[in-house]
Amino acid sequence: MTTESSLILTKKEIFQKIKRIAYEIYEKNYKEKKLIIAGIPETGYVFAKYLSKELKEIAPFEVHLIKVKINKSNPASGEIIIDGEKNLLNKSALILVDDVLNTGRTFLYSLKPILESEVKKVQTAVLIDRGHSMFPISANFVGYELSTTLNEHIEVNLSKGKEGVYLY
């Protein structure tokens, strides 16, 4: 259960960070002809949609949004599926997007189907980086870095009218 006292980012602050991340992505990828934004469900994909929308407004290159379907609680189980044309990834720059970076496990497993294509480069974007990396994965684009204990939980809500980031 979230409370007002655990609010870390308001709706306004979230969307300021999304806009800033979009500009950072544009700055690091301005020479690209095409950029793929690959969102990890659920909230990571919503975050990816907002990033994609911002990029389409500011960048001259093509921006494509795709979904990476993965079991986040147990990424080693089941198939990891890229929702979109496989050849779309070939020779493209790709930004893998999730809401919270905790251990890096979800990003690591999400790379499997991406690396089966001829992707040009892969970068990562997160709204919140908790800094509990257990794998050689880090975020290239971060909205907010927050050191937490392993017992604490971060909740990102991007539902209309309920936007906020909470710590509990």
C-alpha atoms as a PDB file:
ATOM      1  CA  MET A   1       0.000   0.000   0.000  1.00  0.00           C
ATOM      2  CA  THR A   2       1.379   3.406  -0.942  1.00  0.00           C
ATOM      3  CA  THR A   3       0.995   6.547   1.153  1.00  0.00           C
ATOM      4  CA  GLU A   4       1.687  10.205   0.518  1.00  0.00           C
ATOM      5  CA  SER A   5       4.614  10.106   2.948  1.00  0.00           C
ATOM      6  CA  SER A   6       6.380   7.586   0.691  1.00  0.00           C
ATOM      7  CA  LEU A   7       6.013   9.664  -2.476  1.00  0.00           C
ATOM      8  CA  ILE A   8       9.417  10.104  -4.142  1.00  0.00           C
ATOM      9  CA  LEU A   9       8.450  11.599  -7.516  1.00  0.00           C
ATOM     10  CA  THR A  10       5.271  13.435  -8.444  1.00  0.00           C
ATOM     11  CA  LYS A  11       3.595  13.287 -11.845  1.00  0.00           C
ATOM     12  CA  LYS A  12       5.249  16.573 -12.841  1.00  0.00           C
ATOM     13  CA  GLU A  13       8.700  15.336 -11.787  1.00  0.00           C
ATOM     14  CA  ILE A  14       8.230  12.021 -13.631  1.00  0.00           C
ATOM     15  CA  PHE A  15       7.385  13.770 -16.886  1.00  0.00           C
ATOM     16  CA  GLN A  16      10.281  16.216 -16.476  1.00  0.00           C
ATOM     17  CA  LYS A  17      12.605  13.220 -16.148  1.00  0.00           C
ATOM     18  CA  ILE A  18      11.065  11.518 -19.181  1.00  0.00           C
ATOM     19  CA  LYS A  19      11.625  14.659 -21.256  1.00  0.00           C
ATOM     20  CA  ARG A  20      15.231  14.969 -20.027  1.00  0.00           C
ATOM     21  CA  ILE A  21      15.943  11.303 -20.783  1.00  0.00           C
ATOM     22  CA  ALA A  22      14.481  11.736 -24.281  1.00  0.00           C
ATOM     23  CA  TYR A  23      16.872  14.639 -24.927  1.00  0.00           C
ATOM     24  CA  GLU A  24      19.813  12.617 -23.591  1.00  0.00           C
ATOM     25  CA  ILE A  25      18.890   9.711 -25.862  1.00  0.00           C
ATOM     26  CA  TYR A  26      18.665  12.095 -28.819  1.00  0.00           C
ATOM     27  CA  GLU A  27      22.076  13.622 -27.978  1.00  0.00           C
ATOM     28  CA  LYS A  28      23.735  10.187 -27.816  1.00  0.00           C
ATOM     29  CA  ASN A  29      22.012   8.922 -30.975  1.00  0.00           C
ATOM     30  CA  TYR A  30      21.673  11.995 -33.202  1.00  0.00           C
ATOM     31  CA  LYS A  31      23.517  10.312 -36.109  1.00  0.00           C
ATOM     32  CA  GLU A  32      21.082   7.387 -36.238  1.00  0.00           C
ATOM     33  CA  LYS A  33      18.493   6.957 -38.975  1.00  0.00           C
ATOM     34  CA  LYS A  34      16.285   4.714 -36.860  1.00  0.00           C
ATOM     35  CA  LEU A  35      15.913   4.113 -33.131  1.00  0.00           C
ATOM     36  CA  ILE A  36      14.032   1.221 -31.561  1.00  0.00           C
ATOM     37  CA  ILE A  37      12.516   1.733 -28.115  1.00  0.00           C
ATOM     38  CA  ALA A  38      11.966  -1.700 -26.525  1.00  0.00           C
ATOM     39  CA  GLY A  39       9.790  -1.561 -23.415  1.00  0.00           C
ATOM     40  CA  ILE A  40       9.562  -4.265 -20.783  1.00  0.00           C
ATOM     41  CA  PRO A  41       5.976  -4.726 -19.502  1.00  0.00           C
ATOM     42  CA  GLU A  42       4.131  -3.555 -17.645  1.00  0.00           C
ATOM     43  CA  THR A  43       5.185  -0.153 -16.338  1.00  0.00           C
ATOM     44  CA  GLY A  44       8.453  -0.243 -18.283  1.00  0.00           C
ATOM     45  CA  TYR A  45       6.463  -0.437 -21.513  1.00  0.00           C
ATOM     46  CA  VAL A  46       4.292   2.530 -20.489  1.00  0.00           C
ATOM     47  CA  PHE A  47       7.485   4.462 -19.695  1.00  0.00           C
ATOM     48  CA  ALA A  48       8.815   3.430 -23.144  1.00  0.00           C
ATOM     49  CA  LYS A  49       5.641   4.778 -24.791  1.00  0.00           C
ATOM     50  CA  TYR A  50       6.148   8.175 -23.163  1.00  0.00           C
ATOM     51  CA  LEU A  51       9.841   8.199 -24.148  1.00  0.00           C
ATOM     52  CA  SER A  52       8.943   7.237 -27.705  1.00  0.00           C
ATOM     53  CA  LYS A  53       6.374  10.043 -27.916  1.00  0.00           C
ATOM     54  CA  GLU A  54       8.905  12.622 -26.658  1.00  0.00           C
ATOM     55  CA  LEU A  55      11.573  11.401 -29.081  1.00  0.00           C
ATOM     56  CA  LYS A  56       9.184  11.603 -32.035  1.00  0.00           C
ATOM     57  CA  GLU A  57       8.598  15.273 -31.163  1.00  0.00           C
ATOM     58  CA  ILE A  58      12.272  16.263 -30.957  1.00  0.00           C
ATOM     59  CA  ALA A  59      14.308  13.894 -33.121  1.00  0.00           C
ATOM     60  CA  PRO A  60      14.519  13.740 -36.930  1.00  0.00           C
ATOM     61  CA  PHE A  61      15.111   9.976 -37.016  1.00  0.00           C
ATOM     62  CA  GLU A  62      12.488   7.217 -37.129  1.00  0.00           C
ATOM     63  CA  VAL A  63      11.367   6.002 -33.700  1.00  0.00           C
ATOM     64  CA  HIS A  64       9.768   2.558 -33.386  1.00  0.00           C
ATOM     65  CA  LEU A  65       8.219   1.201 -30.192  1.00  0.00           C
ATOM     66  CA  ILE A  66       8.281  -2.543 -29.501  1.00  0.00           C
ATOM     67  CA  LYS A  67       7.505  -4.720 -26.480  1.00  0.00           C
ATOM     68  CA  VAL A  68       9.776  -7.310 -24.868  1.00  0.00           C
ATOM     69  CA  LYS A  69       7.570  -9.985 -23.323  1.00  0.00           C
ATOM     70  CA  ILE A  70       9.289 -11.590 -20.335  1.00  0.00           C
ATOM     71  CA  ASN A  71       8.362 -13.127 -17.005  1.00  0.00           C
ATOM     72  CA  LYS A  72       9.960 -10.510 -14.723  1.00  0.00           C
ATOM     73  CA  SER A  73       9.638 -12.567 -11.558  1.00  0.00           C
ATOM     74  CA  ASN A  74      11.437 -15.535 -13.164  1.00  0.00           C
ATOM     75  CA  PRO A  75      13.063 -14.428 -16.436  1.00  0.00           C
ATOM     76  CA  ALA A  76      14.897 -17.718 -16.950  1.00  0.00           C
ATOM     77  CA  SER A  77      11.577 -19.538 -17.279  1.00  0.00           C
ATOM     78  CA  GLY A  78       9.556 -19.314 -20.449  1.00  0.00           C
ATOM     79  CA  GLU A  79      10.221 -17.751 -23.786  1.00  0.00           C
ATOM     80  CA  ILE A  80      11.283 -14.127 -24.159  1.00  0.00           C
ATOM     81  CA  ILE A  81       9.491 -12.599 -27.119  1.00  0.00           C
ATOM     82  CA  ILE A  82      10.092  -9.412 -29.073  1.00  0.00           C
ATOM     83  CA  ASP A  83       6.766  -8.009 -30.215  1.00  0.00           C
ATOM     84  CA  GLY A  84       7.524  -6.663 -33.671  1.00  0.00           C
ATOM     85  CA  GLU A  85       9.252  -7.522 -36.912  1.00  0.00           C
ATOM     86  CA  LYS A  86      12.602  -9.269 -36.335  1.00  0.00           C
ATOM     87  CA  ASN A  87      14.241  -7.458 -39.260  1.00  0.00           C
ATOM     88  CA  LEU A  88      13.273  -4.101 -37.697  1.00  0.00           C
ATOM     89  CA  LEU A  89      16.156  -4.591 -35.252  1.00  0.00           C
ATOM     90  CA  ASN A  90      18.796  -5.256 -37.903  1.00  0.00           C
ATOM     91  CA  LYS A  91      21.390  -2.487 -38.090  1.00  0.00           C
ATOM     92  CA  SER A  92      19.326  -0.380 -35.656  1.00  0.00           C
ATOM     93  CA  ALA A  93      20.192   1.340 -32.410  1.00  0.00           C
ATOM     94  CA  LEU A  94      18.021   0.006 -29.618  1.00  0.00           C
ATOM     95  CA  ILE A  95      17.099   1.434 -26.224  1.00  0.00           C
ATOM     96  CA  LEU A  96      15.931  -1.237 -23.759  1.00  0.00           C
ATOM     97  CA  VAL A  97      13.536   0.409 -21.282  1.00  0.00           C
ATOM     98  CA  ASP A  98      12.194  -0.585 -17.866  1.00  0.00           C
ATOM     99  CA  ASP A  99      10.746   1.346 -14.950  1.00  0.00           C
ATOM    100  CA  VAL A 100      13.146   0.227 -12.188  1.00  0.00           C
ATOM    101  CA  LEU A 101      16.658  -1.202 -12.381  1.00  0.00           C
ATOM    102  CA  ASN A 102      17.215  -3.394  -9.375  1.00  0.00           C
ATOM    103  CA  THR A 103      19.610  -6.325  -9.907  1.00  0.00           C
ATOM    104  CA  GLY A 104      19.876  -6.157 -13.717  1.00  0.00           C
ATOM    105  CA  ARG A 105      18.450  -9.675 -14.140  1.00  0.00           C
ATOM    106  CA  THR A 106      15.466  -8.590 -16.282  1.00  0.00           C
ATOM    107  CA  PHE A 107      17.664  -6.528 -18.624  1.00  0.00           C
ATOM    108  CA  LEU A 108      20.171  -9.367 -18.902  1.00  0.00           C
ATOM    109  CA  TYR A 109      17.569 -11.937 -19.956  1.00  0.00           C
ATOM    110  CA  SER A 110      15.779  -9.429 -22.209  1.00  0.00           C
ATOM    111  CA  LEU A 111      18.938  -9.157 -24.294  1.00  0.00           C
ATOM    112  CA  LYS A 112      18.727 -12.786 -25.463  1.00  0.00           C
ATOM    113  CA  PRO A 113      16.294 -12.322 -28.386  1.00  0.00           C
ATOM    114  CA  ILE A 114      17.743  -8.879 -29.165  1.00  0.00           C
ATOM    115  CA  LEU A 115      21.253 -10.287 -29.602  1.00  0.00           C
ATOM    116  CA  GLU A 116      19.913 -12.932 -32.006  1.00  0.00           C
ATOM    117  CA  SER A 117      19.413 -10.100 -34.508  1.00  0.00           C
ATOM    118  CA  GLU A 118      22.044  -7.840 -36.054  1.00  0.00           C
ATOM    119  CA  VAL A 119      21.342  -4.918 -33.756  1.00  0.00           C
ATOM    120  CA  LYS A 120      23.824  -2.049 -34.177  1.00  0.00           C
ATOM    121  CA  LYS A 121      24.006  -1.061 -30.486  1.00  0.00           C
ATOM    122  CA  VAL A 122      22.015  -1.471 -27.296  1.00  0.00           C
ATOM    123  CA  GLN A 123      21.559   1.125 -24.590  1.00  0.00           C
ATOM    124  CA  THR A 124      19.356   1.018 -21.493  1.00  0.00           C
ATOM    125  CA  ALA A 125      16.988   3.520 -19.897  1.00  0.00           C
ATOM    126  CA  VAL A 126      15.233   3.381 -16.529  1.00  0.00           C
ATOM    127  CA  LEU A 127      13.127   5.792 -14.558  1.00  0.00           C
ATOM    128  CA  ILE A 128      14.606   4.602 -11.230  1.00  0.00           C
ATOM    129  CA  ASP A 129      18.023   3.008 -10.605  1.00  0.00           C
ATOM    130  CA  ARG A 130      18.178   1.344  -7.173  1.00  0.00           C
ATOM    131  CA  GLY A 131      21.870   0.487  -7.429  1.00  0.00           C
ATOM    132  CA  HIS A 132      21.591  -3.184  -6.425  1.00  0.00           C
ATOM    133  CA  SER A 133      23.338  -4.517  -9.522  1.00  0.00           C
ATOM    134  CA  MET A 134      24.169  -8.220  -9.395  1.00  0.00           C
ATOM    135  CA  PHE A 135      24.955  -8.521 -13.112  1.00  0.00           C
ATOM    136  CA  PRO A 136      27.217  -6.474 -15.399  1.00  0.00           C
ATOM    137  CA  ILE A 137      24.273  -4.318 -16.422  1.00  0.00           C
ATOM    138  CA  SER A 138      23.934  -0.585 -15.857  1.00  0.00           C
ATOM    139  CA  ALA A 139      21.590   2.045 -17.191  1.00  0.00           C
ATOM    140  CA  ASN A 140      22.825   4.495 -19.804  1.00  0.00           C
ATOM    141  CA  PHE A 141      19.904   6.846 -19.142  1.00  0.00           C
ATOM    142  CA  VAL A 142      18.510   7.258 -15.617  1.00  0.00           C
ATOM    143  CA  GLY A 143      15.684   9.425 -14.363  1.00  0.00           C
ATOM    144  CA  TYR A 144      16.456   9.125 -10.657  1.00  0.00           C
ATOM    145  CA  GLU A 145      19.097   7.209  -8.698  1.00  0.00           C
ATOM    146  CA  LEU A 146      18.010   6.052  -5.289  1.00  0.00           C
ATOM    147  CA  SER A 147      19.964   3.921  -2.832  1.00  0.00           C
ATOM    148  CA  THR A 148      17.576   1.608  -1.041  1.00  0.00           C
ATOM    149  CA  THR A 149      17.815  -1.366   1.244  1.00  0.00           C
ATOM    150  CA  LEU A 150      16.908  -4.800  -0.083  1.00  0.00           C
ATOM    151  CA  ASN A 151      13.822  -4.767   2.173  1.00  0.00           C
ATOM    152  CA  GLU A 152      12.452  -1.571   0.631  1.00  0.00           C
ATOM    153  CA  HIS A 153      10.273  -1.613  -2.460  1.00  0.00           C
ATOM    154  CA  ILE A 154       9.878   0.937  -5.255  1.00  0.00           C
ATOM    155  CA  GLU A 155       6.540   1.246  -7.010  1.00  0.00           C
ATOM    156  CA  VAL A 156       6.212   3.227 -10.233  1.00  0.00           C
ATOM    157  CA  ASN A 157       2.639   4.081 -11.159  1.00  0.00           C
ATOM    158  CA  LEU A 158       2.064   5.627 -14.595  1.00  0.00           C
ATOM    159  CA  SER A 159      -1.711   5.094 -14.674  1.00  0.00           C
ATOM    160  CA  LYS A 160      -3.633   8.228 -15.692  1.00  0.00           C
ATOM    161  CA  GLY A 161      -4.422  10.302 -12.628  1.00  0.00           C
ATOM    162  CA  LYS A 162      -2.319   8.116 -10.297  1.00  0.00           C
ATOM    163  CA  GLU A 163       1.183   8.943 -11.551  1.00  0.00           C
ATOM    164  CA  GLY A 164       3.879   8.749  -8.922  1.00  0.00           C
ATOM    165  CA  VAL A 165       6.926   6.885  -7.674  1.00  0.00           C
ATOM    166  CA  TYR A 166       6.660   5.477  -4.165  1.00  0.00           C
ATOM    167  CA  LEU A 167       9.044   3.940  -1.671  1.00  0.00           C
ATOM    168  CA  TYR A 168       7.764   1.568   0.967  1.00  0.00           C
END
